[in-house]
Amino acid sequence: MPDDRRSRPGLYTQIDVAQAPYSPASFPAGGGHNEIAALLREILAAQDRHNELLEELVGHLGAPQRQRAAELGQWKQANPALARSCRFAAEALSKIQTEYLEGLTQEISDNYESLRDGEFMLNEFVDRFGPRLTHLNGLLQVLSQLSSTANPASTPNAP
């Protein structure tokens, strides 16, 4: 196997980037300009193909999100009272989250030295606040998604 690596050309080559004075004599009469134009056309064609692939990729990756948004919009139309209740719950839980974060930051300020210096104290702090904060954020995310107002222009049955 080591012989295969030695026989292959290197991936990178050395390029001299020293600035040379431009002289029209450095190009053959008309031939060099045609080569440059041909290379620029090839670069343009490659960029066009790259853009087409990116557009296709964006369309492919956006399809599930559009489908999810349509399903969520249908759910909200079928359950308007529950969507309103979710909005109220999300707003209330957001206020609770703000108060919880204020307590968490106060705890950090009060115990900064012991949290910084003691791994045990830091682990206790994370165990105390981490799971609750994670679950609270998850609940808020779900309630917010279920309670957000549907955009009439994005629904498939919009006039």
C-alpha atoms as a PDB file:
ATOM      1  CA  MET A   1       0.000   0.000   0.000  1.00  0.00           C
ATOM      2  CA  PRO A   2       2.727   2.535   0.690  1.00  0.00           C
ATOM      3  CA  ASP A   3       3.795   2.162  -2.943  1.00  0.00           C
ATOM      4  CA  ASP A   4       0.332   3.315  -4.124  1.00  0.00           C
ATOM      5  CA  ARG A   5       0.617   6.553  -2.189  1.00  0.00           C
ATOM      6  CA  ARG A   6       4.006   7.315  -3.612  1.00  0.00           C
ATOM      7  CA  SER A   7       2.918   6.735  -7.192  1.00  0.00           C
ATOM      8  CA  ARG A   8      -0.085   9.082  -6.979  1.00  0.00           C
ATOM      9  CA  PRO A   9       0.375  12.753  -7.763  1.00  0.00           C
ATOM     10  CA  GLY A  10      -0.059  15.136  -4.853  1.00  0.00           C
ATOM     11  CA  LEU A  11      -3.418  16.785  -4.256  1.00  0.00           C
ATOM     12  CA  TYR A  12      -1.854  20.170  -3.893  1.00  0.00           C
ATOM     13  CA  THR A  13       0.619  21.775  -6.205  1.00  0.00           C
ATOM     14  CA  GLN A  14       2.849  24.733  -5.744  1.00  0.00           C
ATOM     15  CA  ILE A  15       1.700  27.955  -7.364  1.00  0.00           C
ATOM     16  CA  ASP A  16       3.888  30.976  -7.854  1.00  0.00           C
ATOM     17  CA  VAL A  17       1.856  33.995  -6.807  1.00  0.00           C
ATOM     18  CA  ALA A  18       4.579  36.559  -7.270  1.00  0.00           C
ATOM     19  CA  GLN A  19       3.256  39.565  -9.089  1.00  0.00           C
ATOM     20  CA  ALA A  20       4.612  39.765 -12.591  1.00  0.00           C
ATOM     21  CA  PRO A  21       4.247  42.881 -14.648  1.00  0.00           C
ATOM     22  CA  TYR A  22       1.488  42.556 -17.223  1.00  0.00           C
ATOM     23  CA  SER A  23       2.606  42.700 -20.761  1.00  0.00           C
ATOM     24  CA  PRO A  24       0.446  42.093 -23.800  1.00  0.00           C
ATOM     25  CA  ALA A  25       3.320  40.122 -25.283  1.00  0.00           C
ATOM     26  CA  SER A  26       2.815  37.427 -22.622  1.00  0.00           C
ATOM     27  CA  PHE A  27      -0.291  36.226 -24.466  1.00  0.00           C
ATOM     28  CA  PRO A  28      -0.218  34.827 -27.972  1.00  0.00           C
ATOM     29  CA  ALA A  29      -2.092  36.966 -30.431  1.00  0.00           C
ATOM     30  CA  GLY A  30      -5.785  36.266 -29.810  1.00  0.00           C
ATOM     31  CA  GLY A  31      -5.215  32.679 -28.644  1.00  0.00           C
ATOM     32  CA  GLY A  32      -4.715  33.423 -24.956  1.00  0.00           C
ATOM     33  CA  HIS A  33      -7.841  35.552 -24.738  1.00  0.00           C
ATOM     34  CA  ASN A  34      -9.886  32.776 -26.291  1.00  0.00           C
ATOM     35  CA  GLU A  35      -8.545  30.291 -23.747  1.00  0.00           C
ATOM     36  CA  ILE A  36      -9.374  32.636 -20.885  1.00  0.00           C
ATOM     37  CA  ALA A  37     -12.865  33.199 -22.273  1.00  0.00           C
ATOM     38  CA  ALA A  38     -13.371  29.433 -22.597  1.00  0.00           C
ATOM     39  CA  LEU A  39     -12.206  28.883 -19.015  1.00  0.00           C
ATOM     40  CA  LEU A  40     -14.514  31.614 -17.750  1.00  0.00           C
ATOM     41  CA  ARG A  41     -17.424  29.995 -19.615  1.00  0.00           C
ATOM     42  CA  GLU A  42     -16.603  26.661 -17.967  1.00  0.00           C
ATOM     43  CA  ILE A  43     -16.480  28.325 -14.544  1.00  0.00           C
ATOM     44  CA  LEU A  44     -19.818  30.001 -15.217  1.00  0.00           C
ATOM     45  CA  ALA A  45     -21.381  26.703 -16.311  1.00  0.00           C
ATOM     46  CA  ALA A  46     -20.073  25.005 -13.169  1.00  0.00           C
ATOM     47  CA  GLN A  47     -21.464  27.795 -10.993  1.00  0.00           C
ATOM     48  CA  ASP A  48     -24.832  27.541 -12.733  1.00  0.00           C
ATOM     49  CA  ARG A  49     -24.902  23.787 -12.069  1.00  0.00           C
ATOM     50  CA  HIS A  50     -23.867  24.386  -8.458  1.00  0.00           C
ATOM     51  CA  ASN A  51     -26.718  26.896  -8.048  1.00  0.00           C
ATOM     52  CA  GLU A  52     -29.200  24.446  -9.545  1.00  0.00           C
ATOM     53  CA  LEU A  53     -28.075  21.747  -7.115  1.00  0.00           C
ATOM     54  CA  LEU A  54     -28.362  24.148  -4.184  1.00  0.00           C
ATOM     55  CA  GLU A  55     -31.883  25.159  -5.223  1.00  0.00           C
ATOM     56  CA  GLU A  56     -32.840  21.487  -5.497  1.00  0.00           C
ATOM     57  CA  LEU A  57     -31.324  20.785  -2.078  1.00  0.00           C
ATOM     58  CA  VAL A  58     -33.192  23.685  -0.472  1.00  0.00           C
ATOM     59  CA  GLY A  59     -36.443  22.487  -2.018  1.00  0.00           C
ATOM     60  CA  HIS A  60     -35.808  18.949  -0.824  1.00  0.00           C
ATOM     61  CA  LEU A  61     -34.924  19.983   2.723  1.00  0.00           C
ATOM     62  CA  GLY A  62     -37.774  22.499   2.968  1.00  0.00           C
ATOM     63  CA  ALA A  63     -40.511  20.062   1.931  1.00  0.00           C
ATOM     64  CA  PRO A  64     -40.850  18.311   5.325  1.00  0.00           C
ATOM     65  CA  GLN A  65     -40.960  21.648   7.113  1.00  0.00           C
ATOM     66  CA  ARG A  66     -43.680  22.947   4.792  1.00  0.00           C
ATOM     67  CA  GLN A  67     -45.635  19.726   5.322  1.00  0.00           C
ATOM     68  CA  ARG A  68     -45.282  20.052   9.105  1.00  0.00           C
ATOM     69  CA  ALA A  69     -46.425  23.679   8.973  1.00  0.00           C
ATOM     70  CA  ALA A  70     -49.462  22.699   6.899  1.00  0.00           C
ATOM     71  CA  GLU A  71     -50.354  19.908   9.331  1.00  0.00           C
ATOM     72  CA  LEU A  72     -49.934  22.275  12.269  1.00  0.00           C
ATOM     73  CA  GLY A  73     -52.172  24.832  10.563  1.00  0.00           C
ATOM     74  CA  GLN A  74     -54.838  22.199   9.999  1.00  0.00           C
ATOM     75  CA  TRP A  75     -54.618  21.146  13.638  1.00  0.00           C
ATOM     76  CA  LYS A  76     -55.041  24.756  14.772  1.00  0.00           C
ATOM     77  CA  GLN A  77     -58.074  25.198  12.533  1.00  0.00           C
ATOM     78  CA  ALA A  78     -59.607  21.990  13.883  1.00  0.00           C
ATOM     79  CA  ASN A  79     -58.851  22.902  17.524  1.00  0.00           C
ATOM     80  CA  PRO A  80     -59.094  26.697  17.866  1.00  0.00           C
ATOM     81  CA  ALA A  81     -60.047  26.651  21.568  1.00  0.00           C
ATOM     82  CA  LEU A  82     -57.145  24.362  22.437  1.00  0.00           C
ATOM     83  CA  ALA A  83     -54.768  26.560  20.396  1.00  0.00           C
ATOM     84  CA  ARG A  84     -55.915  29.593  22.418  1.00  0.00           C
ATOM     85  CA  SER A  85     -55.436  27.650  25.652  1.00  0.00           C
ATOM     86  CA  CYS A  86     -51.939  26.700  24.525  1.00  0.00           C
ATOM     87  CA  ARG A  87     -51.191  30.373  23.867  1.00  0.00           C
ATOM     88  CA  PHE A  88     -52.358  31.327  27.369  1.00  0.00           C
ATOM     89  CA  ALA A  89     -50.342  28.472  28.905  1.00  0.00           C
ATOM     90  CA  ALA A  90     -47.232  29.416  26.898  1.00  0.00           C
ATOM     91  CA  GLU A  91     -47.446  33.031  28.045  1.00  0.00           C
ATOM     92  CA  ALA A  92     -47.896  31.997  31.697  1.00  0.00           C
ATOM     93  CA  LEU A  93     -45.088  29.447  31.499  1.00  0.00           C
ATOM     94  CA  SER A  94     -42.851  32.037  29.877  1.00  0.00           C
ATOM     95  CA  LYS A  95     -43.299  34.304  32.900  1.00  0.00           C
ATOM     96  CA  ILE A  96     -42.498  31.368  35.192  1.00  0.00           C
ATOM     97  CA  GLN A  97     -39.412  30.612  33.112  1.00  0.00           C
ATOM     98  CA  THR A  98     -38.257  34.224  33.466  1.00  0.00           C
ATOM     99  CA  GLU A  99     -38.601  34.037  37.252  1.00  0.00           C
ATOM    100  CA  TYR A 100     -36.797  30.690  37.290  1.00  0.00           C
ATOM    101  CA  LEU A 101     -33.932  32.120  35.227  1.00  0.00           C
ATOM    102  CA  GLU A 102     -33.680  35.084  37.585  1.00  0.00           C
ATOM    103  CA  GLY A 103     -33.308  32.672  40.520  1.00  0.00           C
ATOM    104  CA  LEU A 104     -30.775  30.600  38.612  1.00  0.00           C
ATOM    105  CA  THR A 105     -28.643  33.620  37.735  1.00  0.00           C
ATOM    106  CA  GLN A 106     -28.832  34.882  41.316  1.00  0.00           C
ATOM    107  CA  GLU A 107     -27.655  31.479  42.525  1.00  0.00           C
ATOM    108  CA  ILE A 108     -24.708  31.680  40.126  1.00  0.00           C
ATOM    109  CA  SER A 109     -23.817  35.187  41.315  1.00  0.00           C
ATOM    110  CA  ASP A 110     -23.999  34.187  44.972  1.00  0.00           C
ATOM    111  CA  ASN A 111     -21.957  31.000  44.569  1.00  0.00           C
ATOM    112  CA  TYR A 112     -19.606  31.869  41.725  1.00  0.00           C
ATOM    113  CA  GLU A 113     -16.390  31.038  43.593  1.00  0.00           C
ATOM    114  CA  SER A 114     -17.550  27.661  44.866  1.00  0.00           C
ATOM    115  CA  LEU A 115     -19.015  26.735  41.463  1.00  0.00           C
ATOM    116  CA  ARG A 116     -15.781  27.684  39.718  1.00  0.00           C
ATOM    117  CA  ASP A 117     -13.461  25.965  42.153  1.00  0.00           C
ATOM    118  CA  GLY A 118     -15.452  22.895  43.144  1.00  0.00           C
ATOM    119  CA  GLU A 119     -16.491  20.254  40.668  1.00  0.00           C
ATOM    120  CA  PHE A 120     -18.872  18.760  43.206  1.00  0.00           C
ATOM    121  CA  MET A 121     -20.666  22.084  43.675  1.00  0.00           C
ATOM    122  CA  LEU A 122     -20.921  22.599  39.923  1.00  0.00           C
ATOM    123  CA  ASN A 123     -22.358  19.106  39.438  1.00  0.00           C
ATOM    124  CA  GLU A 124     -24.865  19.719  42.221  1.00  0.00           C
ATOM    125  CA  PHE A 125     -25.869  23.008  40.622  1.00  0.00           C
ATOM    126  CA  VAL A 126     -26.351  21.411  37.192  1.00  0.00           C
ATOM    127  CA  ASP A 127     -28.290  18.510  38.729  1.00  0.00           C
ATOM    128  CA  ARG A 128     -30.486  20.956  40.599  1.00  0.00           C
ATOM    129  CA  PHE A 129     -31.298  23.380  37.788  1.00  0.00           C
ATOM    130  CA  GLY A 130     -30.481  21.573  34.529  1.00  0.00           C
ATOM    131  CA  PRO A 131     -33.280  19.006  34.164  1.00  0.00           C
ATOM    132  CA  ARG A 132     -35.998  21.427  35.197  1.00  0.00           C
ATOM    133  CA  LEU A 133     -34.720  24.077  32.767  1.00  0.00           C
ATOM    134  CA  THR A 134     -34.491  21.531  29.956  1.00  0.00           C
ATOM    135  CA  HIS A 135     -38.030  20.253  30.518  1.00  0.00           C
ATOM    136  CA  LEU A 136     -39.383  23.767  30.906  1.00  0.00           C
ATOM    137  CA  ASN A 137     -37.818  24.796  27.590  1.00  0.00           C
ATOM    138  CA  GLY A 138     -39.279  21.720  25.880  1.00  0.00           C
ATOM    139  CA  LEU A 139     -42.757  22.441  27.215  1.00  0.00           C
ATOM    140  CA  LEU A 140     -42.521  26.067  26.155  1.00  0.00           C
ATOM    141  CA  GLN A 141     -41.441  25.078  22.672  1.00  0.00           C
ATOM    142  CA  VAL A 142     -44.366  22.692  22.203  1.00  0.00           C
ATOM    143  CA  LEU A 143     -46.911  25.137  23.600  1.00  0.00           C
ATOM    144  CA  SER A 144     -45.520  27.965  21.486  1.00  0.00           C
ATOM    145  CA  GLN A 145     -45.722  25.922  18.302  1.00  0.00           C
ATOM    146  CA  LEU A 146     -49.271  24.825  19.030  1.00  0.00           C
ATOM    147  CA  SER A 147     -50.387  28.311  19.980  1.00  0.00           C
ATOM    148  CA  SER A 148     -48.829  30.443  17.278  1.00  0.00           C
ATOM    149  CA  THR A 149     -51.310  32.067  14.985  1.00  0.00           C
ATOM    150  CA  ALA A 150     -51.508  30.510  11.549  1.00  0.00           C
ATOM    151  CA  ASN A 151     -50.407  32.666   8.639  1.00  0.00           C
ATOM    152  CA  PRO A 152     -53.364  32.704   6.207  1.00  0.00           C
ATOM    153  CA  ALA A 153     -51.060  33.225   3.226  1.00  0.00           C
ATOM    154  CA  SER A 154     -49.104  30.054   3.991  1.00  0.00           C
ATOM    155  CA  THR A 155     -52.049  27.712   4.348  1.00  0.00           C
ATOM    156  CA  PRO A 156     -52.763  25.600   1.262  1.00  0.00           C
ATOM    157  CA  ASN A 157     -56.489  26.453   1.144  1.00  0.00           C
ATOM    158  CA  ALA A 158     -56.001  30.218   1.361  1.00  0.00           C
ATOM    159  CA  PRO A 159     -57.864  32.237  -1.273  1.00  0.00           C
END
